[in-house]
Amino acid sequence: VDQILMHASGTPVVVDYGSGMAYFSFEIAKRIPESKVYLVDIPSIIQEFTVFRFQKHKVNYEVLSVSSENLYPLLPAHTICLANEVLEHVFNPLIVYENIHRSMAAGGLLFGNFSDHEKGLLHVTPNLAPLRAKIQEDYEPLGVKLYRKIR
C-alpha cells in the first residue's frame, strides 16, 4: 500500500477487481478517508464480510457483482486498480483488461501479479502472456507489481 500511495495523486478512486477481503483497498481507505472503493467480485460470504467491514469502518464503497449475467462488468472512472492474482481466474482476461484500461484515468495505477499459473480448476486462463503484452504497451513499470498508465 505504501508503494501504491507513494505514486498516487489526488483522492484515490479504487477499483478492487477480485476484491475478496479487500485488504489493500481497505488500507487505502483507512489512510485516505475521502477515497471511494469499488469492490468487484462474485457474490459470496467473503464479499458479505468485506461489505460488513467497510460499513463498520464507514468506508465509501460500492459493490459491482460479477455474475453469469454480467461476467465482465463495466467499471467506473478510477485512478487505482487492484487486480492482484485474479485475471487467471477469468475466461477472457483481455476483456477485463480493456474495461480497466478504458475507465482508468491518465496516469492511473495498476497493481497486480500477471504471471502465468498452472492450469487447474480455478485457473481457467493460466497463460497471461497476451495480457502482459498489452500492459507493456499501455503502462510503465514503477515497482513490484505496480504500473502507471502511459497511454
N, C-alpha and C. Protein backbone atom coordinates (compact mmCIF):
# COMPACT_ATOMS: atom_id res chain seq x y z
N VAL A 1 0.83 -1.19 0.00
CA VAL A 1 0.00 0.00 0.00
C VAL A 1 0.88 1.25 0.00
N ASP A 2 1.96 1.21 0.74
CA ASP A 2 2.87 2.37 0.75
C ASP A 2 3.37 2.68 -0.66
N GLN A 3 3.77 1.64 -1.39
CA GLN A 3 4.28 1.82 -2.75
C GLN A 3 3.19 2.42 -3.65
N ILE A 4 1.98 1.95 -3.53
CA ILE A 4 0.89 2.46 -4.35
C ILE A 4 0.64 3.93 -4.03
N LEU A 5 0.49 4.25 -2.76
CA LEU A 5 0.17 5.62 -2.38
C LEU A 5 1.32 6.59 -2.66
N MET A 6 2.54 6.10 -2.65
CA MET A 6 3.69 6.94 -2.98
C MET A 6 3.58 7.46 -4.41
N HIS A 7 2.97 6.68 -5.30
CA HIS A 7 2.85 7.06 -6.71
C HIS A 7 1.49 7.64 -7.06
N ALA A 8 0.56 7.62 -6.12
CA ALA A 8 -0.79 8.11 -6.38
C ALA A 8 -0.84 9.62 -6.20
N SER A 9 -1.81 10.23 -6.88
CA SER A 9 -2.03 11.66 -6.68
C SER A 9 -3.52 11.90 -6.54
N GLY A 10 -3.87 12.92 -5.80
CA GLY A 10 -5.27 13.25 -5.60
C GLY A 10 -5.97 12.24 -4.70
N THR A 11 -7.28 12.35 -4.64
CA THR A 11 -8.08 11.44 -3.84
C THR A 11 -8.30 10.15 -4.63
N PRO A 12 -7.88 9.02 -4.07
CA PRO A 12 -7.99 7.77 -4.82
C PRO A 12 -9.43 7.33 -5.07
N VAL A 13 -9.67 6.89 -6.28
CA VAL A 13 -10.88 6.13 -6.62
C VAL A 13 -10.35 4.77 -7.03
N VAL A 14 -10.69 3.76 -6.23
CA VAL A 14 -10.07 2.44 -6.35
C VAL A 14 -11.07 1.43 -6.89
N VAL A 15 -10.67 0.71 -7.93
CA VAL A 15 -11.39 -0.48 -8.38
C VAL A 15 -10.60 -1.66 -7.85
N ASP A 16 -11.21 -2.44 -6.97
CA ASP A 16 -10.57 -3.62 -6.41
C ASP A 16 -11.18 -4.83 -7.12
N TYR A 17 -10.52 -5.27 -8.19
CA TYR A 17 -11.05 -6.32 -9.06
C TYR A 17 -10.69 -7.69 -8.49
N GLY A 18 -11.70 -8.48 -8.18
CA GLY A 18 -11.47 -9.74 -7.47
C GLY A 18 -11.14 -9.42 -6.03
N SER A 19 -11.95 -8.56 -5.45
CA SER A 19 -11.63 -7.92 -4.17
C SER A 19 -11.44 -8.89 -3.02
N GLY A 20 -12.19 -9.97 -2.96
CA GLY A 20 -12.05 -10.86 -1.81
C GLY A 20 -12.22 -10.07 -0.52
N MET A 21 -11.25 -10.17 0.37
CA MET A 21 -11.29 -9.44 1.64
C MET A 21 -10.89 -7.98 1.50
N ALA A 22 -10.41 -7.59 0.35
CA ALA A 22 -10.09 -6.19 0.03
C ALA A 22 -9.10 -5.57 1.01
N TYR A 23 -8.06 -6.30 1.30
CA TYR A 23 -7.06 -5.81 2.26
C TYR A 23 -6.44 -4.48 1.84
N PHE A 24 -5.98 -4.40 0.59
CA PHE A 24 -5.28 -3.19 0.15
C PHE A 24 -6.22 -2.01 0.02
N SER A 25 -7.40 -2.22 -0.57
CA SER A 25 -8.31 -1.08 -0.73
C SER A 25 -8.82 -0.60 0.62
N PHE A 26 -9.01 -1.50 1.56
CA PHE A 26 -9.42 -1.11 2.90
C PHE A 26 -8.33 -0.24 3.55
N GLU A 27 -7.08 -0.65 3.39
CA GLU A 27 -5.97 0.12 3.96
C GLU A 27 -5.86 1.50 3.30
N ILE A 28 -6.05 1.56 1.99
CA ILE A 28 -6.02 2.86 1.30
C ILE A 28 -7.13 3.75 1.86
N ALA A 29 -8.33 3.20 2.01
CA ALA A 29 -9.46 3.98 2.52
C ALA A 29 -9.25 4.41 3.97
N LYS A 30 -8.60 3.59 4.77
CA LYS A 30 -8.31 3.98 6.15
C LYS A 30 -7.33 5.15 6.18
N ARG A 31 -6.34 5.12 5.29
CA ARG A 31 -5.33 6.18 5.28
C ARG A 31 -5.85 7.46 4.63
N ILE A 32 -6.74 7.32 3.63
CA ILE A 32 -7.30 8.48 2.93
C ILE A 32 -8.82 8.32 2.96
N PRO A 33 -9.46 8.78 4.03
CA PRO A 33 -10.90 8.54 4.21
C PRO A 33 -11.79 9.08 3.09
N GLU A 34 -11.31 10.03 2.29
CA GLU A 34 -12.12 10.57 1.19
C GLU A 34 -12.15 9.62 0.00
N SER A 35 -11.38 8.55 0.04
CA SER A 35 -11.31 7.59 -1.05
C SER A 35 -12.67 6.97 -1.33
N LYS A 36 -12.83 6.53 -2.58
CA LYS A 36 -14.00 5.73 -2.97
C LYS A 36 -13.47 4.40 -3.46
N VAL A 37 -14.11 3.30 -3.02
CA VAL A 37 -13.67 1.96 -3.38
C VAL A 37 -14.82 1.23 -4.07
N TYR A 38 -14.52 0.62 -5.20
CA TYR A 38 -15.46 -0.25 -5.89
C TYR A 38 -14.98 -1.69 -5.72
N LEU A 39 -15.79 -2.50 -5.07
CA LEU A 39 -15.47 -3.90 -4.83
C LEU A 39 -16.07 -4.74 -5.96
N VAL A 40 -15.21 -5.37 -6.75
CA VAL A 40 -15.67 -6.15 -7.90
C VAL A 40 -15.35 -7.62 -7.63
N ASP A 41 -16.39 -8.43 -7.48
CA ASP A 41 -16.17 -9.85 -7.20
C ASP A 41 -17.48 -10.60 -7.36
N ILE A 42 -17.38 -11.92 -7.23
CA ILE A 42 -18.58 -12.75 -7.25
C ILE A 42 -19.24 -12.67 -5.87
N PRO A 43 -20.57 -12.73 -5.82
CA PRO A 43 -21.24 -12.74 -4.51
C PRO A 43 -20.82 -13.98 -3.72
N SER A 44 -20.45 -13.76 -2.45
CA SER A 44 -20.01 -14.86 -1.60
C SER A 44 -20.05 -14.40 -0.15
N ILE A 45 -19.82 -15.33 0.74
CA ILE A 45 -19.75 -15.00 2.17
C ILE A 45 -18.56 -14.06 2.43
N ILE A 46 -17.51 -14.21 1.64
CA ILE A 46 -16.35 -13.32 1.78
C ILE A 46 -16.76 -11.89 1.41
N GLN A 47 -17.49 -11.74 0.31
CA GLN A 47 -17.95 -10.41 -0.08
C GLN A 47 -18.86 -9.82 0.98
N GLU A 48 -19.74 -10.65 1.57
CA GLU A 48 -20.62 -10.17 2.63
C GLU A 48 -19.81 -9.64 3.82
N PHE A 49 -18.77 -10.38 4.20
CA PHE A 49 -17.94 -9.93 5.32
C PHE A 49 -17.20 -8.64 4.96
N THR A 50 -16.69 -8.56 3.75
CA THR A 50 -15.98 -7.35 3.32
C THR A 50 -16.90 -6.15 3.38
N VAL A 51 -18.13 -6.30 2.90
CA VAL A 51 -19.10 -5.21 2.97
C VAL A 51 -19.38 -4.84 4.43
N PHE A 52 -19.56 -5.83 5.29
CA PHE A 52 -19.77 -5.57 6.71
C PHE A 52 -18.61 -4.75 7.29
N ARG A 53 -17.39 -5.14 6.97
CA ARG A 53 -16.21 -4.43 7.50
C ARG A 53 -16.14 -3.01 6.96
N PHE A 54 -16.40 -2.82 5.68
CA PHE A 54 -16.39 -1.48 5.09
C PHE A 54 -17.47 -0.61 5.72
N GLN A 55 -18.65 -1.16 5.94
CA GLN A 55 -19.73 -0.40 6.58
C GLN A 55 -19.35 -0.04 8.02
N LYS A 56 -18.82 -1.00 8.74
CA LYS A 56 -18.44 -0.78 10.14
C LYS A 56 -17.44 0.37 10.27
N HIS A 57 -16.52 0.46 9.33
CA HIS A 57 -15.47 1.49 9.37
C HIS A 57 -15.81 2.71 8.51
N LYS A 58 -17.06 2.75 8.04
CA LYS A 58 -17.57 3.91 7.29
C LYS A 58 -16.73 4.22 6.04
N VAL A 59 -16.31 3.17 5.35
CA VAL A 59 -15.57 3.33 4.09
C VAL A 59 -16.58 3.62 2.99
N ASN A 60 -16.27 4.57 2.14
CA ASN A 60 -17.10 4.90 0.99
C ASN A 60 -16.85 3.83 -0.08
N TYR A 61 -17.85 2.98 -0.31
CA TYR A 61 -17.66 1.85 -1.22
C TYR A 61 -18.94 1.59 -2.02
N GLU A 62 -18.76 0.80 -3.07
CA GLU A 62 -19.88 0.30 -3.85
C GLU A 62 -19.50 -1.10 -4.34
N VAL A 63 -20.47 -2.00 -4.40
CA VAL A 63 -20.23 -3.36 -4.88
C VAL A 63 -20.65 -3.46 -6.34
N LEU A 64 -19.77 -4.02 -7.15
CA LEU A 64 -20.06 -4.36 -8.54
C LEU A 64 -19.93 -5.87 -8.65
N SER A 65 -21.06 -6.55 -8.72
CA SER A 65 -21.04 -8.01 -8.70
C SER A 65 -20.76 -8.60 -10.08
N VAL A 66 -19.94 -9.64 -10.06
CA VAL A 66 -19.67 -10.43 -11.25
C VAL A 66 -20.62 -11.63 -11.16
N SER A 67 -21.37 -11.87 -12.23
CA SER A 67 -22.32 -12.97 -12.24
C SER A 67 -22.37 -13.57 -13.64
N SER A 68 -23.10 -14.66 -13.79
CA SER A 68 -23.22 -15.28 -15.12
C SER A 68 -23.91 -14.33 -16.10
N GLU A 69 -24.76 -13.44 -15.59
CA GLU A 69 -25.41 -12.44 -16.44
C GLU A 69 -24.52 -11.23 -16.70
N ASN A 70 -23.49 -11.05 -15.90
CA ASN A 70 -22.62 -9.88 -16.00
C ASN A 70 -21.18 -10.31 -15.71
N LEU A 71 -20.61 -11.12 -16.62
CA LEU A 71 -19.27 -11.66 -16.41
C LEU A 71 -18.18 -10.59 -16.39
N TYR A 72 -18.38 -9.55 -17.18
CA TYR A 72 -17.34 -8.53 -17.33
C TYR A 72 -17.98 -7.15 -17.11
N PRO A 73 -18.26 -6.81 -15.85
CA PRO A 73 -18.95 -5.54 -15.60
C PRO A 73 -18.15 -4.34 -16.07
N LEU A 74 -18.86 -3.37 -16.61
CA LEU A 74 -18.22 -2.10 -16.95
C LEU A 74 -17.82 -1.42 -15.66
N LEU A 75 -16.74 -0.69 -15.71
CA LEU A 75 -16.17 -0.11 -14.49
C LEU A 75 -16.30 1.40 -14.50
N PRO A 76 -16.39 2.00 -13.32
CA PRO A 76 -16.45 3.45 -13.23
C PRO A 76 -15.06 4.06 -13.44
N ALA A 77 -15.04 5.35 -13.68
CA ALA A 77 -13.76 6.07 -13.76
C ALA A 77 -13.02 5.86 -12.44
N HIS A 78 -11.72 5.59 -12.55
CA HIS A 78 -10.93 5.34 -11.35
C HIS A 78 -9.47 5.74 -11.58
N THR A 79 -8.74 5.84 -10.47
CA THR A 79 -7.32 6.22 -10.54
C THR A 79 -6.39 5.09 -10.13
N ILE A 80 -6.92 4.10 -9.43
CA ILE A 80 -6.14 2.94 -8.99
C ILE A 80 -6.97 1.69 -9.24
N CYS A 81 -6.31 0.67 -9.83
CA CYS A 81 -6.96 -0.63 -9.97
C CYS A 81 -6.09 -1.68 -9.31
N LEU A 82 -6.67 -2.39 -8.37
CA LEU A 82 -6.02 -3.52 -7.74
C LEU A 82 -6.57 -4.77 -8.40
N ALA A 83 -5.72 -5.52 -9.07
CA ALA A 83 -6.14 -6.73 -9.78
C ALA A 83 -5.11 -7.83 -9.55
N ASN A 84 -4.82 -8.07 -8.31
CA ASN A 84 -3.75 -8.99 -7.94
C ASN A 84 -4.25 -10.42 -7.86
N GLU A 85 -3.59 -11.32 -8.60
CA GLU A 85 -3.91 -12.75 -8.55
C GLU A 85 -5.37 -13.03 -8.88
N VAL A 86 -5.89 -12.38 -9.93
CA VAL A 86 -7.29 -12.60 -10.27
C VAL A 86 -7.53 -12.93 -11.74
N LEU A 87 -6.74 -12.38 -12.65
CA LEU A 87 -7.08 -12.50 -14.07
C LEU A 87 -6.88 -13.91 -14.62
N GLU A 88 -6.13 -14.75 -13.94
CA GLU A 88 -6.03 -16.15 -14.34
C GLU A 88 -7.32 -16.92 -14.02
N HIS A 89 -8.20 -16.29 -13.26
CA HIS A 89 -9.46 -16.92 -12.87
C HIS A 89 -10.63 -16.57 -13.79
N VAL A 90 -10.39 -15.75 -14.81
CA VAL A 90 -11.47 -15.37 -15.72
C VAL A 90 -11.20 -15.95 -17.11
N PHE A 91 -12.27 -16.21 -17.86
CA PHE A 91 -12.13 -16.85 -19.16
C PHE A 91 -11.51 -15.93 -20.20
N ASN A 92 -11.76 -14.63 -20.10
CA ASN A 92 -11.17 -13.72 -21.08
C ASN A 92 -10.58 -12.51 -20.35
N PRO A 93 -9.35 -12.66 -19.88
CA PRO A 93 -8.74 -11.56 -19.13
C PRO A 93 -8.54 -10.29 -19.94
N LEU A 94 -8.47 -10.41 -21.27
CA LEU A 94 -8.29 -9.20 -22.09
C LEU A 94 -9.54 -8.32 -22.08
N ILE A 95 -10.72 -8.91 -21.92
CA ILE A 95 -11.94 -8.10 -21.78
C ILE A 95 -11.87 -7.33 -20.46
N VAL A 96 -11.48 -8.01 -19.40
CA VAL A 96 -11.34 -7.34 -18.10
C VAL A 96 -10.32 -6.22 -18.22
N TYR A 97 -9.18 -6.52 -18.84
CA TYR A 97 -8.13 -5.51 -19.02
C TYR A 97 -8.67 -4.29 -19.76
N GLU A 98 -9.38 -4.51 -20.85
CA GLU A 98 -9.91 -3.38 -21.63
C GLU A 98 -10.89 -2.56 -20.79
N ASN A 99 -11.71 -3.22 -19.98
CA ASN A 99 -12.62 -2.48 -19.09
C ASN A 99 -11.85 -1.64 -18.08
N ILE A 100 -10.80 -2.21 -17.53
CA ILE A 100 -9.96 -1.48 -16.57
C ILE A 100 -9.29 -0.30 -17.27
N HIS A 101 -8.64 -0.59 -18.37
CA HIS A 101 -7.85 0.42 -19.07
C HIS A 101 -8.71 1.58 -19.58
N ARG A 102 -9.85 1.25 -20.14
CA ARG A 102 -10.75 2.27 -20.71
C ARG A 102 -11.26 3.23 -19.63
N SER A 103 -11.51 2.73 -18.44
CA SER A 103 -12.10 3.56 -17.39
C SER A 103 -11.07 4.18 -16.44
N MET A 104 -9.79 3.82 -16.61
CA MET A 104 -8.75 4.37 -15.74
C MET A 104 -8.29 5.73 -16.23
N ALA A 105 -8.11 6.64 -15.30
CA ALA A 105 -7.63 7.99 -15.61
C ALA A 105 -6.20 7.93 -16.14
N ALA A 106 -5.84 8.91 -16.95
CA ALA A 106 -4.46 9.04 -17.41
C ALA A 106 -3.55 9.12 -16.20
N GLY A 107 -2.46 8.40 -16.23
CA GLY A 107 -1.53 8.38 -15.10
C GLY A 107 -1.97 7.47 -13.97
N GLY A 108 -3.09 6.76 -14.16
CA GLY A 108 -3.60 5.87 -13.11
C GLY A 108 -2.67 4.71 -12.85
N LEU A 109 -2.91 4.03 -11.74
CA LEU A 109 -2.04 2.95 -11.29
C LEU A 109 -2.75 1.60 -11.37
N LEU A 110 -2.02 0.61 -11.87
CA LEU A 110 -2.49 -0.76 -11.94
C LEU A 110 -1.57 -1.61 -11.08
N PHE A 111 -2.16 -2.36 -10.16
CA PHE A 111 -1.38 -3.21 -9.27
C PHE A 111 -1.83 -4.65 -9.43
N GLY A 112 -0.87 -5.55 -9.68
CA GLY A 112 -1.23 -6.96 -9.75
C GLY A 112 -0.09 -7.84 -10.21
N ASN A 113 -0.24 -9.11 -9.92
CA ASN A 113 0.66 -10.14 -10.41
C ASN A 113 0.01 -10.74 -11.64
N PHE A 114 0.65 -10.61 -12.79
CA PHE A 114 0.10 -11.08 -14.06
C PHE A 114 0.97 -12.18 -14.65
N SER A 115 1.62 -12.96 -13.78
CA SER A 115 2.44 -14.06 -14.26
C SER A 115 1.56 -15.28 -14.53
N ASP A 116 2.14 -16.23 -15.29
CA ASP A 116 1.40 -17.44 -15.65
C ASP A 116 1.20 -18.33 -14.42
N HIS A 117 0.18 -19.18 -14.51
CA HIS A 117 -0.15 -20.11 -13.44
C HIS A 117 -0.33 -21.50 -14.03
N GLU A 118 -0.28 -22.49 -13.18
CA GLU A 118 -0.58 -23.85 -13.64
C GLU A 118 -2.06 -23.95 -13.92
N LYS A 119 -2.41 -24.63 -15.00
CA LYS A 119 -3.81 -24.84 -15.33
C LYS A 119 -4.45 -25.68 -14.22
N GLY A 120 -5.65 -25.31 -13.84
CA GLY A 120 -6.36 -26.03 -12.79
C GLY A 120 -7.83 -25.64 -12.79
N LEU A 121 -8.54 -26.19 -11.87
CA LEU A 121 -9.98 -25.94 -11.78
C LEU A 121 -10.30 -24.46 -11.72
N LEU A 122 -9.53 -23.70 -10.97
CA LEU A 122 -9.80 -22.27 -10.81
C LEU A 122 -8.94 -21.39 -11.71
N HIS A 123 -7.89 -21.93 -12.25
CA HIS A 123 -7.03 -21.18 -13.17
C HIS A 123 -7.45 -21.51 -14.60
N VAL A 124 -8.49 -20.84 -15.06
CA VAL A 124 -9.06 -21.15 -16.37
C VAL A 124 -8.28 -20.51 -17.51
N THR A 125 -7.48 -19.50 -17.21
CA THR A 125 -6.60 -18.88 -18.21
C THR A 125 -5.20 -18.80 -17.62
N PRO A 126 -4.46 -19.91 -17.63
CA PRO A 126 -3.16 -19.92 -16.98
C PRO A 126 -2.08 -19.14 -17.73
N ASN A 127 -2.25 -18.95 -19.05
CA ASN A 127 -1.25 -18.24 -19.85
C ASN A 127 -1.68 -16.78 -20.00
N LEU A 128 -1.01 -15.90 -19.29
CA LEU A 128 -1.35 -14.48 -19.34
C LEU A 128 -0.39 -13.67 -20.20
N ALA A 129 0.35 -14.33 -21.09
CA ALA A 129 1.30 -13.62 -21.96
C ALA A 129 0.62 -12.53 -22.79
N PRO A 130 -0.55 -12.76 -23.41
CA PRO A 130 -1.20 -11.68 -24.17
C PRO A 130 -1.56 -10.48 -23.28
N LEU A 131 -1.94 -10.76 -22.06
CA LEU A 131 -2.25 -9.68 -21.11
C LEU A 131 -0.99 -8.88 -20.77
N ARG A 132 0.10 -9.57 -20.49
CA ARG A 132 1.35 -8.88 -20.18
C ARG A 132 1.80 -8.01 -21.35
N ALA A 133 1.59 -8.48 -22.57
CA ALA A 133 1.97 -7.69 -23.76
C ALA A 133 1.16 -6.40 -23.81
N LYS A 134 -0.13 -6.46 -23.52
CA LYS A 134 -0.97 -5.26 -23.52
C LYS A 134 -0.52 -4.31 -22.40
N ILE A 135 -0.24 -4.82 -21.24
CA ILE A 135 0.21 -3.99 -20.13
C ILE A 135 1.52 -3.29 -20.51
N GLN A 136 2.42 -4.01 -21.14
CA GLN A 136 3.70 -3.43 -21.56
C GLN A 136 3.50 -2.29 -22.56
N GLU A 137 2.50 -2.40 -23.42
CA GLU A 137 2.20 -1.34 -24.39
C GLU A 137 1.63 -0.08 -23.73
N ASP A 138 0.81 -0.27 -22.73
CA ASP A 138 0.00 0.82 -22.18
C ASP A 138 0.45 1.36 -20.83
N TYR A 139 1.40 0.70 -20.19
CA TYR A 139 1.81 1.06 -18.83
C TYR A 139 3.32 1.02 -18.70
N GLU A 140 3.82 1.82 -17.76
CA GLU A 140 5.24 1.74 -17.43
C GLU A 140 5.37 1.11 -16.04
N PRO A 141 6.36 0.23 -15.85
CA PRO A 141 6.55 -0.37 -14.53
C PRO A 141 7.09 0.66 -13.54
N LEU A 142 6.56 0.60 -12.32
CA LEU A 142 7.01 1.52 -11.27
C LEU A 142 7.68 0.79 -10.11
N GLY A 143 7.41 -0.46 -9.97
CA GLY A 143 7.95 -1.23 -8.86
C GLY A 143 7.40 -2.63 -8.95
N VAL A 144 7.48 -3.34 -7.87
CA VAL A 144 6.99 -4.71 -7.83
C VAL A 144 5.48 -4.71 -8.02
N LYS A 145 5.01 -5.29 -9.11
CA LYS A 145 3.59 -5.45 -9.43
C LYS A 145 2.83 -4.13 -9.62
N LEU A 146 3.53 -3.01 -9.81
CA LEU A 146 2.88 -1.71 -9.93
C LEU A 146 3.23 -1.06 -11.26
N TYR A 147 2.19 -0.54 -11.94
CA TYR A 147 2.34 0.05 -13.27
C TYR A 147 1.55 1.36 -13.36
N ARG A 148 2.08 2.33 -14.14
CA ARG A 148 1.39 3.59 -14.37
C ARG A 148 0.93 3.65 -15.82
N LYS A 149 -0.32 4.05 -16.01
CA LYS A 149 -0.90 4.17 -17.35
C LYS A 149 -0.21 5.29 -18.11
N ILE A 150 0.32 4.97 -19.29
CA ILE A 150 1.01 5.98 -20.10
C ILE A 150 0.26 6.29 -21.40
N ARG A 151 -0.68 5.44 -21.80
CA ARG A 151 -1.48 5.72 -22.99
C ARG A 151 -2.83 5.10 -22.89
